[in-house]
Amino acid sequence: MSAVTVVSAGTSGRRPAHPARALARAVLRPHQSALWFWGLLVALGGGGLLWAAGPGYDAVWDAYLKSNCREADYCDMGPAYQHYDLVVGLAPAALTVAPLLIGAWAGASLIGRELESGTAKLAWTQSVTPARWLAAKLAVPAALIVSGTVLLTLLNRLVWWREERLRQAVGTRDWFDFTTFTGNGTLATAYALFALAVGVVAGLLLRRSLPSLAAGFAGTAALMVVLQGNRHHLWPVAETRAAASEPQWTGMLVDRGVITASGDRISNSLCAEFDCGRSDVVGYWAQSHPASHFWPLQLVETGIVVAVTALLVPAAFHLLRRRTGGAA
């Protein structure tokens, strides 16, 4: 009797795992390779950016001072700048490419493979409802994605702040470059979460890993390309005019052209010559986005991406509800 009592007490003393933690572990366990890849990417990117913000930048600045270059000159700063430029170029590029990989992974492995193999149905027959299963599939990767992208974005901002003198001296990077713009603000995180939602919807629609992989990749790329191509339309441009020559502009050039005596504005994109070969030119104009437009453009594009993501998430639950006959 005493032995039975001891065994019973020992068993009852173990607290069962919290359902939310158990479900999170169940989501992560089949995707350990993806988790290791993401962790390694964040660790390498973060370490490289910390080096670039500290000793890497100091070595480049010392090399610039020793070169005695004027601001307008091309300065060969040797291996110090080559190593620095490689790191600060790869980190935002990785943040820009990451959403494409997330969309492909979410479609193929996170959802498509489990529906194709029947693993999802097995989970639904246990204590996990379809709605909780999908919520965990969205929430757990989203938490890891946000933590990694926010960390790398903040480190990118640190490097950008430190290298301000270098940019002014030799013009290393422009704020409106595709990877620089994406990796230095809120867009990297927004696109990553959008890619996760696209992949999940693709997996629920196609229910097969390879087609879902292609759809998740293509859907993410489509929105990124469309918004990148129309980014200059997301905020009012700054316009400058001059009477005798082309006006001075800074930042992202959107368009430029001439003004005729009749008041017509002709874009240089419509003609090959500087003054479009006209004799009645009385002025010149240029439209651009200066550096002060970085955050307005960044936040408007982020808002669009977040809005599309917010539509995809309930769409995913609706698809699951149709597939499970209302059990979700």
Protein backbone atom coordinates (compact mmCIF):
# COMPACT_ATOMS: atom_id res chain seq x y z
CA MET A 1 0.00 0.00 0.00
CA SER A 2 2.81 2.35 0.89
CA ALA A 3 4.58 1.61 -2.39
CA VAL A 4 1.42 2.43 -4.31
CA THR A 5 1.08 5.64 -2.34
CA VAL A 6 4.66 6.66 -3.12
CA VAL A 7 4.25 6.00 -6.83
CA SER A 8 0.96 7.85 -6.91
CA ALA A 9 2.44 10.83 -5.09
CA GLY A 10 5.44 10.92 -7.40
CA THR A 11 3.22 10.87 -10.46
CA SER A 12 0.83 13.49 -9.18
CA GLY A 13 3.76 15.75 -8.26
CA ARG A 14 4.66 16.25 -11.92
CA ARG A 15 2.84 19.17 -13.40
CA PRO A 16 1.67 18.60 -16.96
CA ALA A 17 3.11 20.92 -19.56
CA HIS A 18 1.12 24.07 -20.22
CA PRO A 19 -1.04 23.51 -23.33
CA ALA A 20 0.29 26.62 -25.07
CA ARG A 21 3.93 25.65 -24.45
CA ALA A 22 3.25 22.07 -25.53
CA LEU A 23 1.63 23.29 -28.74
CA ALA A 24 4.53 25.67 -29.41
CA ARG A 25 7.00 22.80 -29.00
CA ALA A 26 4.88 20.68 -31.33
CA VAL A 27 5.07 23.41 -33.96
CA LEU A 28 8.84 23.85 -33.65
CA ARG A 29 9.88 20.19 -33.39
CA PRO A 30 9.34 19.25 -37.08
CA HIS A 31 11.08 22.45 -38.23
CA GLN A 32 14.29 22.37 -36.23
CA SER A 33 16.44 22.74 -39.34
CA ALA A 34 14.58 25.93 -40.31
CA LEU A 35 14.89 27.19 -36.74
CA TRP A 36 18.63 26.56 -36.75
CA PHE A 37 18.98 28.28 -40.12
CA TRP A 38 17.10 31.35 -38.92
CA GLY A 39 19.05 31.50 -35.67
CA LEU A 40 22.35 31.17 -37.53
CA LEU A 41 21.33 33.88 -40.00
CA VAL A 42 20.41 36.28 -37.20
CA ALA A 43 23.54 35.47 -35.21
CA LEU A 44 25.91 35.91 -38.15
CA GLY A 45 24.15 39.03 -39.38
CA GLY A 46 24.02 40.55 -35.92
CA GLY A 47 27.65 39.75 -35.20
CA GLY A 48 28.77 41.18 -38.52
CA LEU A 49 26.81 44.40 -37.98
CA LEU A 50 28.19 44.82 -34.46
CA TRP A 51 31.69 44.46 -35.89
CA ALA A 52 30.87 46.95 -38.67
CA ALA A 53 29.52 49.49 -36.18
CA GLY A 54 32.66 49.22 -34.06
CA PRO A 55 36.15 48.17 -35.20
CA GLY A 56 35.11 47.75 -38.83
CA TYR A 57 34.03 51.38 -39.22
CA ASP A 58 36.99 52.67 -37.20
CA ALA A 59 39.42 50.89 -39.55
CA VAL A 60 37.66 52.31 -42.63
CA TRP A 61 37.68 55.86 -41.24
CA ASP A 62 41.38 55.62 -40.38
CA ALA A 63 42.08 54.39 -43.92
CA TYR A 64 40.12 57.32 -45.34
CA LEU A 65 42.02 59.86 -43.26
CA LYS A 66 45.35 58.37 -44.29
CA SER A 67 44.38 58.47 -47.98
CA ASN A 68 44.22 62.32 -47.96
CA CYS A 69 41.32 62.17 -50.42
CA ARG A 70 39.09 65.11 -51.05
CA GLU A 71 35.35 64.58 -50.87
CA ALA A 72 34.96 64.56 -54.66
CA ASP A 73 37.75 62.04 -55.20
CA TYR A 74 37.51 58.29 -55.49
CA CYS A 75 39.36 56.88 -52.49
CA ASP A 76 40.92 53.45 -52.49
CA MET A 77 40.80 52.50 -48.81
CA GLY A 78 42.06 48.98 -49.38
CA PRO A 79 40.97 45.76 -47.64
CA ALA A 80 39.48 47.61 -44.65
CA TYR A 81 36.74 49.14 -46.77
CA GLN A 82 36.24 45.98 -48.84
CA HIS A 83 35.53 43.91 -45.72
CA TYR A 84 33.33 46.61 -44.25
CA ASP A 85 31.37 47.09 -47.47
CA LEU A 86 30.80 43.34 -47.78
CA VAL A 87 29.28 43.09 -44.30
CA VAL A 88 27.09 46.20 -44.48
CA GLY A 89 25.91 45.13 -47.93
CA LEU A 90 25.08 41.53 -47.04
CA ALA A 91 23.09 42.27 -43.89
CA PRO A 92 20.32 44.40 -45.48
CA ALA A 93 20.38 42.11 -48.52
CA ALA A 94 19.66 39.15 -46.25
CA LEU A 95 16.74 41.02 -44.68
CA THR A 96 15.42 41.78 -48.16
CA VAL A 97 15.68 38.17 -49.38
CA ALA A 98 14.42 36.61 -46.12
CA PRO A 99 10.70 37.21 -46.86
CA LEU A 100 11.00 35.20 -50.09
CA LEU A 101 12.48 32.27 -48.17
CA ILE A 102 9.89 32.60 -45.40
CA GLY A 103 7.04 32.53 -47.91
CA ALA A 104 8.43 29.44 -49.61
CA TRP A 105 9.07 27.66 -46.30
CA ALA A 106 5.65 28.52 -44.84
CA GLY A 107 3.87 27.22 -47.93
CA ALA A 108 5.91 24.06 -48.39
CA SER A 109 6.96 22.88 -44.94
CA LEU A 110 4.84 24.64 -42.35
CA ILE A 111 1.44 23.95 -43.94
CA GLY A 112 1.59 22.17 -47.31
CA ARG A 113 3.63 19.16 -46.22
CA GLU A 114 1.53 18.55 -43.11
CA LEU A 115 -1.71 18.63 -45.08
CA GLU A 116 -0.22 16.44 -47.81
CA SER A 117 1.11 13.81 -45.39
CA GLY A 118 -1.93 13.80 -43.11
CA THR A 119 0.00 15.01 -40.06
CA ALA A 120 -2.42 17.89 -39.62
CA LYS A 121 -5.43 15.55 -39.51
CA LEU A 122 -3.70 13.46 -36.88
CA ALA A 123 -3.19 16.57 -34.74
CA TRP A 124 -6.84 17.55 -35.17
CA THR A 125 -8.00 14.16 -33.89
CA GLN A 126 -6.05 14.74 -30.68
CA SER A 127 -6.77 17.52 -28.22
CA VAL A 128 -5.76 20.29 -30.67
CA THR A 129 -8.59 21.94 -32.56
CA PRO A 130 -7.94 23.08 -36.16
CA ALA A 131 -8.23 26.74 -35.12
CA ARG A 132 -5.65 26.35 -32.34
CA TRP A 133 -3.41 24.41 -34.71
CA LEU A 134 -3.46 27.22 -37.27
CA ALA A 135 -3.10 29.92 -34.62
CA ALA A 136 0.03 28.21 -33.33
CA LYS A 137 1.35 27.81 -36.89
CA LEU A 138 1.04 31.57 -37.31
CA ALA A 139 1.98 32.85 -33.85
CA VAL A 140 5.10 30.82 -33.04
CA PRO A 141 6.98 31.51 -36.31
CA ALA A 142 5.78 35.12 -36.24
CA ALA A 143 7.33 35.66 -32.80
CA LEU A 144 10.68 34.27 -33.96
CA ILE A 145 10.56 36.20 -37.22
CA VAL A 146 9.76 39.51 -35.53
CA SER A 147 12.48 39.12 -32.90
CA GLY A 148 15.12 38.38 -35.54
CA THR A 149 14.17 41.02 -38.07
CA VAL A 150 13.76 43.77 -35.46
CA LEU A 151 17.19 42.98 -34.00
CA LEU A 152 18.90 43.08 -37.40
CA THR A 153 17.03 46.25 -38.36
CA LEU A 154 18.17 48.03 -35.20
CA LEU A 155 21.77 46.98 -35.83
CA ASN A 156 21.48 48.19 -39.43
CA ARG A 157 20.29 51.54 -38.09
CA LEU A 158 23.28 51.64 -35.73
CA VAL A 159 25.70 51.13 -38.61
CA TRP A 160 23.86 53.71 -40.72
CA TRP A 161 24.15 56.25 -37.90
CA ARG A 162 27.85 55.58 -37.36
CA GLU A 163 28.86 55.83 -41.02
CA GLU A 164 27.22 59.22 -41.62
CA ARG A 165 30.58 61.00 -41.93
CA LEU A 166 31.82 58.35 -44.34
CA ARG A 167 28.75 58.68 -46.56
CA GLN A 168 29.18 62.44 -46.68
CA ALA A 169 32.85 62.04 -47.56
CA VAL A 170 32.78 59.32 -50.22
CA GLY A 171 29.08 58.62 -50.86
CA THR A 172 29.12 54.95 -49.92
CA ARG A 173 25.37 54.20 -49.93
CA ASP A 174 22.11 55.94 -50.78
CA TRP A 175 19.13 55.68 -48.45
CA PHE A 176 16.78 54.80 -51.31
CA ASP A 177 18.75 51.76 -52.54
CA PHE A 178 16.42 48.74 -52.51
CA THR A 179 18.19 46.68 -49.83
CA THR A 180 19.19 49.71 -47.76
CA PHE A 181 15.65 51.08 -47.73
CA THR A 182 14.14 47.72 -46.78
CA GLY A 183 16.69 46.81 -44.14
CA ASN A 184 16.78 50.10 -42.25
CA GLY A 185 13.16 50.54 -41.24
CA THR A 186 9.92 48.76 -40.51
CA LEU A 187 9.59 47.16 -43.94
CA ALA A 188 11.80 44.12 -43.28
CA THR A 189 9.56 42.95 -40.45
CA ALA A 190 6.35 43.78 -42.31
CA TYR A 191 7.40 41.88 -45.44
CA ALA A 192 8.51 38.88 -43.35
CA LEU A 193 5.12 38.63 -41.63
CA PHE A 194 3.36 39.11 -44.96
CA ALA A 195 5.41 36.26 -46.42
CA LEU A 196 4.41 34.00 -43.53
CA ALA A 197 0.73 34.76 -44.16
CA VAL A 198 1.08 34.25 -47.92
CA GLY A 199 2.77 30.90 -47.41
CA VAL A 200 0.10 29.73 -44.97
CA VAL A 201 -2.72 30.70 -47.34
CA ALA A 202 -0.91 29.01 -50.25
CA GLY A 203 -0.47 25.82 -48.22
CA LEU A 204 -4.15 25.76 -47.22
CA LEU A 205 -5.25 26.34 -50.79
CA LEU A 206 -2.93 23.92 -52.61
CA ARG A 207 -2.35 21.33 -49.82
CA ARG A 208 0.84 20.11 -51.47
CA SER A 209 4.36 21.07 -50.57
CA LEU A 210 5.97 21.89 -53.93
CA PRO A 211 3.11 23.94 -55.44
CA SER A 212 2.74 25.73 -52.10
CA LEU A 213 6.46 26.51 -52.08
CA ALA A 214 6.23 28.12 -55.51
CA ALA A 215 3.06 30.03 -54.63
CA GLY A 216 4.47 31.33 -51.35
CA PHE A 217 7.64 32.52 -53.08
CA ALA A 218 5.80 34.06 -56.04
CA GLY A 219 3.13 35.77 -53.94
CA THR A 220 5.73 37.41 -51.72
CA ALA A 221 7.87 38.47 -54.68
CA ALA A 222 4.87 39.92 -56.52
CA LEU A 223 3.94 42.39 -53.78
CA MET A 224 7.58 43.35 -53.18
CA VAL A 225 8.15 44.06 -56.88
CA VAL A 226 4.91 46.04 -57.27
CA LEU A 227 5.56 48.24 -54.24
CA GLN A 228 9.22 48.68 -55.11
CA GLY A 229 8.31 49.84 -58.61
CA ASN A 230 5.73 52.31 -57.33
CA ARG A 231 7.44 53.45 -54.12
CA HIS A 232 7.97 56.98 -55.41
CA HIS A 233 4.17 57.38 -55.73
CA LEU A 234 3.52 56.68 -52.05
CA TRP A 235 4.34 60.21 -50.87
CA PRO A 236 4.15 63.66 -52.52
CA VAL A 237 7.40 64.57 -54.28
CA ALA A 238 9.45 67.69 -53.67
CA GLU A 239 9.78 69.85 -56.80
CA THR A 240 12.51 72.35 -57.63
CA ARG A 241 12.67 74.73 -60.60
CA ALA A 242 15.36 76.78 -62.31
CA ALA A 243 15.36 79.15 -65.27
CA ALA A 244 18.81 78.75 -66.80
CA SER A 245 19.86 75.17 -66.10
CA GLU A 246 18.73 71.95 -64.53
CA PRO A 247 17.77 72.57 -60.89
CA GLN A 248 19.64 71.01 -58.01
CA TRP A 249 17.94 68.04 -56.37
CA THR A 250 18.88 65.56 -53.67
CA GLY A 251 17.84 62.02 -52.85
CA MET A 252 15.70 59.83 -55.10
CA LEU A 253 15.11 61.43 -58.49
CA VAL A 254 11.57 60.75 -59.70
CA ASP A 255 11.36 62.80 -62.90
CA ARG A 256 12.74 65.94 -64.54
CA GLY A 257 12.08 67.99 -67.64
CA VAL A 258 11.57 71.39 -69.21
CA ILE A 259 8.96 74.16 -69.12
CA THR A 260 7.99 75.78 -72.39
CA ALA A 261 6.90 79.35 -73.02
CA SER A 262 3.28 78.21 -73.19
CA GLY A 263 3.55 76.70 -69.70
CA ASP A 264 3.70 73.06 -70.83
CA ARG A 265 5.82 70.67 -68.75
CA ILE A 266 7.69 68.07 -70.80
CA SER A 267 9.47 65.17 -69.14
CA ASN A 268 13.00 64.31 -70.22
CA SER A 269 11.90 60.68 -70.31
CA LEU A 270 9.96 61.53 -73.48
CA CYS A 271 12.98 62.85 -75.37
CA ALA A 272 16.68 62.14 -75.67
CA GLU A 273 18.10 65.67 -75.47
CA PHE A 274 18.53 67.76 -72.33
CA ASP A 275 16.18 70.50 -73.57
CA CYS A 276 14.14 68.11 -75.74
CA GLY A 277 15.38 70.00 -78.83
CA ARG A 278 12.96 72.85 -78.27
CA SER A 279 13.67 76.56 -78.73
CA ASP A 280 10.87 77.78 -76.48
CA VAL A 281 12.28 76.40 -73.21
CA VAL A 282 11.98 78.95 -70.41
CA GLY A 283 12.77 76.77 -67.40
CA TYR A 284 13.58 73.39 -65.98
CA TRP A 285 12.03 71.27 -63.24
CA ALA A 286 12.94 68.22 -61.18
CA GLN A 287 10.91 66.06 -58.83
CA SER A 288 12.61 64.02 -56.14
CA HIS A 289 12.30 62.49 -52.69
CA PRO A 290 14.89 63.99 -50.31
CA ALA A 291 16.25 62.08 -47.33
CA SER A 292 13.53 63.59 -45.13
CA HIS A 293 11.00 61.44 -47.03
CA PHE A 294 12.57 58.19 -45.84
CA TRP A 295 10.19 57.61 -42.92
CA PRO A 296 7.01 58.79 -44.68
CA LEU A 297 7.72 56.42 -47.58
CA GLN A 298 8.73 53.66 -45.19
CA LEU A 299 5.63 53.93 -43.02
CA VAL A 300 3.16 54.22 -45.91
CA GLU A 301 4.58 51.11 -47.59
CA THR A 302 4.63 49.30 -44.26
CA GLY A 303 0.99 50.20 -43.73
CA ILE A 304 0.07 48.71 -47.10
CA VAL A 305 1.94 45.48 -46.36
CA VAL A 306 0.42 45.19 -42.88
CA ALA A 307 -3.07 45.81 -44.29
CA VAL A 308 -2.67 43.03 -46.86
CA THR A 309 -1.32 40.74 -44.14
CA ALA A 310 -4.32 41.55 -41.94
CA LEU A 311 -6.60 40.42 -44.76
CA LEU A 312 -4.69 37.19 -45.35
CA VAL A 313 -4.85 35.98 -41.74
CA PRO A 314 -8.69 35.76 -41.52
CA ALA A 315 -8.66 34.36 -45.05
CA ALA A 316 -6.45 31.53 -43.78
CA PHE A 317 -8.90 30.72 -40.96
CA HIS A 318 -11.79 30.84 -43.43
CA LEU A 319 -10.02 28.34 -45.71
CA LEU A 320 -9.33 26.08 -42.75
CA ARG A 321 -12.97 26.29 -41.65
CA ARG A 322 -14.11 25.25 -45.13
CA ARG A 323 -11.64 22.39 -45.18
CA THR A 324 -12.67 21.05 -41.76
CA GLY A 325 -16.41 21.55 -42.29
CA GLY A 326 -16.79 24.25 -39.67
CA ALA A 327 -14.82 22.45 -36.94
CA ALA A 328 -12.30 25.27 -36.84
